[in-house]
């Protein structure tokens, strides 16, 4: 019971803004999860305008893949 209470307290202290979060699921990509995680961690919790401006200039392959996924899913 104590673990459930501590988890719920953490969620109450730091609730995510669900209105601005985007979740995208895609078919398998030809990139390692470790490489994709670096890109996703660098853009997490950023605004869509910022993402569309910066993703094309990331030096890794993951930036282009995430940009393509965003453009397909979000009608901007």
Protein backbone atom coordinates (compact mmCIF):
# COMPACT_ATOMS: atom_id res chain seq x y z
CA UNK A 1 0.00 0.00 0.00
CA UNK A 2 2.85 2.42 0.70
CA UNK A 3 4.24 2.11 -2.83
CA UNK A 4 0.88 2.97 -4.36
CA UNK A 5 0.59 6.02 -2.15
CA UNK A 6 4.06 7.31 -3.04
CA UNK A 7 3.43 6.87 -6.76
CA UNK A 8 0.15 8.74 -6.54
CA UNK A 9 1.83 11.54 -4.58
CA UNK A 10 4.51 11.94 -7.25
CA UNK A 11 1.86 12.11 -9.95
CA UNK A 12 -0.05 14.77 -8.03
CA UNK A 13 3.10 16.86 -7.47
CA UNK A 14 4.18 16.81 -11.12
CA UNK A 15 1.18 16.21 -13.39
CA UNK A 16 2.03 16.31 -17.10
CA UNK A 17 0.18 18.73 -19.33
CA UNK A 18 -1.73 16.15 -21.38
CA UNK A 19 -3.18 18.74 -23.75
CA UNK A 20 0.21 19.51 -25.26
CA UNK A 21 1.75 16.01 -25.30
CA UNK A 22 1.91 14.11 -28.58
CA UNK A 23 2.17 10.33 -28.77
CA UNK A 24 3.01 8.79 -32.12
CA UNK A 25 3.25 5.10 -32.90
CA UNK A 26 4.69 3.91 -36.19
CA UNK A 27 5.81 0.83 -38.00
CA UNK A 28 9.33 -0.38 -37.17
CA UNK A 29 12.02 2.13 -38.09
CA UNK A 30 15.49 1.26 -39.35
CA UNK A 31 17.35 2.92 -36.50
CA UNK A 32 18.53 1.63 -33.16
CA UNK A 33 16.48 2.51 -30.08
CA UNK A 34 19.54 4.06 -28.43
CA UNK A 35 20.03 6.50 -31.31
CA UNK A 36 16.34 7.39 -31.39
CA UNK A 37 16.27 7.93 -27.63
CA UNK A 38 18.96 10.63 -27.91
CA UNK A 39 16.78 12.56 -30.38
CA UNK A 40 13.56 12.10 -28.45
CA UNK A 41 15.12 13.14 -25.13
CA UNK A 42 16.43 16.33 -26.72
CA UNK A 43 13.01 17.36 -28.07
CA UNK A 44 10.75 16.13 -25.27
CA UNK A 45 8.34 18.75 -23.85
CA UNK A 46 9.05 21.26 -26.62
CA UNK A 47 6.43 23.16 -28.59
CA UNK A 48 5.48 22.04 -32.07
CA UNK A 49 6.79 25.21 -33.74
CA UNK A 50 10.19 24.67 -32.15
CA UNK A 51 10.24 21.01 -33.22
CA UNK A 52 9.43 21.74 -36.84
CA UNK A 53 12.17 24.37 -36.93
CA UNK A 54 14.94 22.36 -35.25
CA UNK A 55 14.44 18.74 -36.31
CA UNK A 56 15.76 19.18 -39.87
CA UNK A 57 19.05 20.48 -38.48
CA UNK A 58 19.81 17.67 -36.04
CA UNK A 59 22.94 15.80 -37.12
CA UNK A 60 21.52 12.31 -36.54
CA UNK A 61 19.26 10.23 -38.75
CA UNK A 62 16.61 10.16 -35.99
CA UNK A 63 15.85 13.86 -36.39
CA UNK A 64 14.66 13.36 -39.96
CA UNK A 65 12.61 10.31 -39.01
CA UNK A 66 10.88 12.10 -36.15
CA UNK A 67 10.20 15.08 -38.41
CA UNK A 68 8.56 12.83 -41.02
CA UNK A 69 6.42 11.19 -38.33
CA UNK A 70 5.32 14.55 -36.95
CA UNK A 71 4.43 15.88 -40.38
CA UNK A 72 2.32 12.79 -41.12
CA UNK A 73 0.47 12.82 -37.79
CA UNK A 74 0.02 16.53 -37.11
CA UNK A 75 -1.84 18.56 -39.70
CA UNK A 76 0.05 21.81 -39.35
